[in-house]
Amino acid sequence: MKKALVFLVLVALIIGGCGASKDYVAQQIADSEGRTGAQIAGLTDKTDGNAAEIAKLRSLANELSKKTDMAINEAKGFENYQIIWSGEVNFDFDSYAITETAETILNEAGEKMEAYPGAVIEIAGHTDRTGSSGYNLMLGEKRSNAAKRFLSDRFGISLYRMFIISYGKDKPIATPDEMHAASKNRRVTLKVWGRL
């Protein structure tokens, strides 16, 4: 009888302990489900945001594709173009001001552009070796833009017919040991491309 009583007490303790353990486990599961639910909601928000961003990027890609197709259609026939006139204007040290001599050459370029309405012009800026590469690239671009602005103002040439680039000091025509090398390298080269 004593053994049976001890056994019943142990069973009662185990059953009571299991009830407490079940409540603890149930609480832990509920907390874990809550955290998981919050993480899923956060991921859903991020996914929705990513989907919107992807849709926006697709729209931009489609727009860019249409513009590229338009540009290709506009450019058809340019493979038949060749240089029909070329010239060069020089600049003073660290300057992008158009000189009187430069005006004469730019006038020739403008007249050629007027004579060939379908022609385009390539305007490339160059500098001497003085200064940093970054500064010289910027100065070459200013020189190209000065020539472009002159042609636009003086001849009314549309901007889409003029293409500029700056090489800075990277493409000299005169080496440092040549006489007046620096002044020869401070230039803008002009090439009118068209069909003959």
Protein backbone atom coordinates (compact mmCIF):
# COMPACT_ATOMS: atom_id res chain seq x y z
CA MET A 1 0.00 0.00 0.00
CA LYS A 2 2.82 2.30 0.82
CA LYS A 3 4.39 1.55 -2.53
CA ALA A 4 1.12 2.25 -4.32
CA LEU A 5 0.81 5.63 -2.57
CA VAL A 6 4.35 6.59 -3.54
CA PHE A 7 3.59 5.52 -7.12
CA LEU A 8 0.40 7.62 -7.21
CA VAL A 9 2.25 10.64 -5.85
CA LEU A 10 4.96 10.23 -8.51
CA VAL A 11 2.36 9.89 -11.26
CA ALA A 12 0.58 13.00 -10.00
CA LEU A 13 3.86 14.93 -9.97
CA ILE A 14 4.76 13.76 -13.46
CA ILE A 15 1.32 14.60 -14.82
CA GLY A 16 1.35 17.99 -13.07
CA GLY A 17 4.92 18.59 -14.31
CA CYS A 18 3.97 17.63 -17.85
CA GLY A 19 1.12 20.10 -17.74
CA ALA A 20 3.54 22.83 -16.77
CA SER A 21 6.00 21.68 -19.45
CA LYS A 22 3.21 21.59 -22.03
CA ASP A 23 2.27 25.19 -21.19
CA TYR A 24 5.91 26.26 -21.44
CA VAL A 25 6.38 24.47 -24.77
CA ALA A 26 3.10 25.91 -26.07
CA GLN A 27 4.25 29.42 -25.08
CA GLN A 28 7.63 28.92 -26.79
CA ILE A 29 5.90 27.68 -29.95
CA ALA A 30 3.54 30.65 -29.94
CA ASP A 31 6.45 33.08 -29.49
CA SER A 32 8.40 31.39 -32.29
CA GLU A 33 5.37 31.50 -34.60
CA GLY A 34 4.96 35.20 -33.82
CA ARG A 35 8.60 35.93 -34.69
CA THR A 36 8.37 33.84 -37.86
CA GLY A 37 5.18 35.63 -38.87
CA ALA A 38 6.85 39.01 -38.38
CA GLN A 39 9.86 37.89 -40.44
CA ILE A 40 7.59 36.62 -43.21
CA ALA A 41 5.69 39.92 -43.23
CA GLY A 42 9.00 41.83 -43.47
CA LEU A 43 10.20 39.62 -46.32
CA THR A 44 6.86 40.04 -48.09
CA ASP A 45 7.24 43.82 -47.88
CA LYS A 46 10.78 43.59 -49.27
CA THR A 47 9.64 41.25 -52.02
CA ASP A 48 6.83 43.63 -52.97
CA GLY A 49 9.32 46.52 -52.99
CA ASN A 50 11.75 44.49 -55.13
CA ALA A 51 8.95 43.56 -57.53
CA ALA A 52 8.04 47.24 -57.92
CA GLU A 53 11.71 48.12 -58.49
CA ILE A 54 12.03 45.33 -61.07
CA ALA A 55 8.91 46.57 -62.87
CA LYS A 56 10.34 50.08 -62.90
CA LEU A 57 13.68 48.83 -64.29
CA ARG A 58 11.88 46.81 -66.97
CA SER A 59 9.95 49.90 -67.98
CA LEU A 60 13.17 51.93 -68.21
CA ALA A 61 14.85 49.14 -70.21
CA ASN A 62 11.92 49.10 -72.67
CA GLU A 63 12.09 52.88 -73.01
CA LEU A 64 15.86 52.74 -73.58
CA SER A 65 15.40 49.98 -76.15
CA LYS A 66 12.90 52.12 -78.08
CA LYS A 67 15.27 55.10 -78.01
CA THR A 68 18.15 52.88 -79.16
CA ASP A 69 16.05 51.60 -82.04
CA MET A 70 15.22 55.19 -82.99
CA ALA A 71 18.91 56.16 -82.86
CA ILE A 72 19.86 53.16 -85.01
CA ASN A 73 17.19 54.08 -87.55
CA GLU A 74 18.44 57.68 -87.58
CA ALA A 75 22.03 56.51 -87.98
CA LYS A 76 21.32 54.24 -90.96
CA GLY A 77 23.39 55.39 -93.87
CA PHE A 78 26.20 56.89 -91.75
CA GLU A 79 28.38 53.93 -92.69
CA ASN A 80 28.55 55.55 -96.15
CA TYR A 81 29.90 58.82 -94.72
CA GLN A 82 33.46 59.91 -95.21
CA ILE A 83 35.52 62.92 -94.21
CA ILE A 84 34.72 65.72 -96.65
CA TRP A 85 36.62 68.47 -94.83
CA SER A 86 39.04 68.71 -91.93
CA GLY A 87 40.73 71.53 -90.09
CA GLU A 88 42.41 72.49 -86.87
CA VAL A 89 42.29 75.51 -84.59
CA ASN A 90 44.88 76.34 -81.95
CA PHE A 91 44.48 77.92 -78.53
CA ASP A 92 46.60 80.01 -76.20
CA PHE A 93 48.07 78.45 -73.05
CA ASP A 94 45.37 77.36 -70.54
CA SER A 95 42.68 79.02 -72.68
CA TYR A 96 39.60 77.99 -74.60
CA ALA A 97 38.89 81.42 -76.12
CA ILE A 98 38.35 81.44 -79.90
CA THR A 99 41.00 83.59 -81.61
CA GLU A 100 40.62 85.46 -84.91
CA THR A 101 42.66 82.79 -86.68
CA ALA A 102 40.42 80.10 -85.16
CA GLU A 103 37.33 82.00 -86.37
CA THR A 104 38.57 81.83 -89.96
CA ILE A 105 38.91 78.03 -89.81
CA LEU A 106 35.63 77.59 -87.95
CA ASN A 107 33.92 79.70 -90.62
CA GLU A 108 35.21 77.24 -93.24
CA ALA A 109 33.79 74.35 -91.20
CA GLY A 110 30.46 76.14 -90.83
CA GLU A 111 30.25 76.84 -94.57
CA LYS A 112 30.96 73.18 -95.32
CA MET A 113 28.22 72.13 -92.87
CA GLU A 114 25.80 74.51 -94.61
CA ALA A 115 26.74 73.14 -98.04
CA TYR A 116 26.04 69.58 -96.87
CA PRO A 117 22.86 69.68 -94.72
CA GLY A 118 23.17 65.96 -93.87
CA ALA A 119 26.77 66.30 -92.70
CA VAL A 120 27.94 65.95 -89.10
CA ILE A 121 31.07 67.34 -87.49
CA GLU A 122 33.47 65.73 -85.05
CA ILE A 123 35.13 68.24 -82.71
CA ALA A 124 38.05 66.85 -80.68
CA GLY A 125 39.80 68.89 -77.97
CA HIS A 126 43.50 68.48 -77.15
CA THR A 127 45.96 70.09 -74.74
CA ASP A 128 49.69 70.25 -74.14
CA ARG A 129 51.37 68.18 -71.40
CA THR A 130 51.23 70.85 -68.70
CA GLY A 131 48.99 69.95 -65.74
CA SER A 132 47.15 66.85 -64.57
CA SER A 133 45.31 64.46 -66.85
CA GLY A 134 41.97 65.34 -65.26
CA TYR A 135 42.48 69.07 -65.73
CA ASN A 136 43.57 68.59 -69.33
CA LEU A 137 40.55 66.43 -70.15
CA MET A 138 38.33 69.22 -68.79
CA LEU A 139 40.26 71.90 -70.73
CA GLY A 140 40.04 69.85 -73.95
CA GLU A 141 36.28 69.56 -73.45
CA LYS A 142 35.99 73.33 -72.91
CA ARG A 143 37.87 73.91 -76.15
CA SER A 144 35.58 71.50 -78.03
CA ASN A 145 32.51 73.15 -76.55
CA ALA A 146 33.80 76.62 -77.51
CA ALA A 147 34.10 75.50 -81.15
CA LYS A 148 30.67 73.85 -81.00
CA ARG A 149 29.09 76.99 -79.52
CA PHE A 150 30.73 79.15 -82.20
CA LEU A 151 29.32 76.97 -85.00
CA SER A 152 25.89 76.93 -83.40
CA ASP A 153 25.79 80.70 -82.80
CA ARG A 154 27.35 81.79 -86.10
CA PHE A 155 25.79 79.25 -88.48
CA GLY A 156 22.77 77.93 -86.58
CA ILE A 157 24.05 74.36 -86.87
CA SER A 158 21.85 72.00 -84.87
CA LEU A 159 23.52 70.53 -81.82
CA TYR A 160 22.67 66.96 -82.85
CA ARG A 161 24.94 67.40 -85.90
CA MET A 162 27.98 68.19 -83.74
CA PHE A 163 29.84 65.61 -81.67
CA ILE A 164 32.52 66.59 -79.17
CA ILE A 165 35.23 64.64 -77.40
CA SER A 166 38.25 65.55 -75.30
CA TYR A 167 41.53 63.68 -75.46
CA GLY A 168 43.31 66.05 -73.09
CA LYS A 169 47.04 65.48 -73.39
CA ASP A 170 46.74 61.87 -74.57
CA LYS A 171 47.08 62.42 -78.35
CA PRO A 172 49.83 64.94 -79.02
CA ILE A 173 50.85 65.67 -82.61
CA ALA A 174 54.19 67.16 -81.57
CA THR A 175 56.75 65.56 -79.28
CA PRO A 176 58.35 67.56 -76.44
CA ASP A 177 61.68 67.86 -78.28
CA GLU A 178 60.04 69.62 -81.26
CA MET A 179 60.05 73.37 -81.51
CA HIS A 180 56.76 74.92 -80.30
CA ALA A 181 55.44 71.45 -79.41
CA ALA A 182 53.17 72.72 -76.64
CA SER A 183 51.47 75.34 -78.85
CA LYS A 184 50.94 72.75 -81.63
CA ASN A 185 49.25 70.38 -79.17
CA ARG A 186 46.84 73.03 -77.81
CA ARG A 187 44.21 72.49 -80.46
CA VAL A 188 40.79 71.34 -81.60
CA THR A 189 40.62 69.09 -84.62
CA LEU A 190 37.53 69.33 -86.82
CA LYS A 191 36.26 66.66 -89.20
CA VAL A 192 33.14 67.14 -91.29
CA TRP A 193 31.62 63.80 -92.24
CA GLY A 194 29.16 63.51 -95.09
CA ARG A 195 28.20 61.81 -98.33
CA LEU A 196 29.94 63.09 -101.43
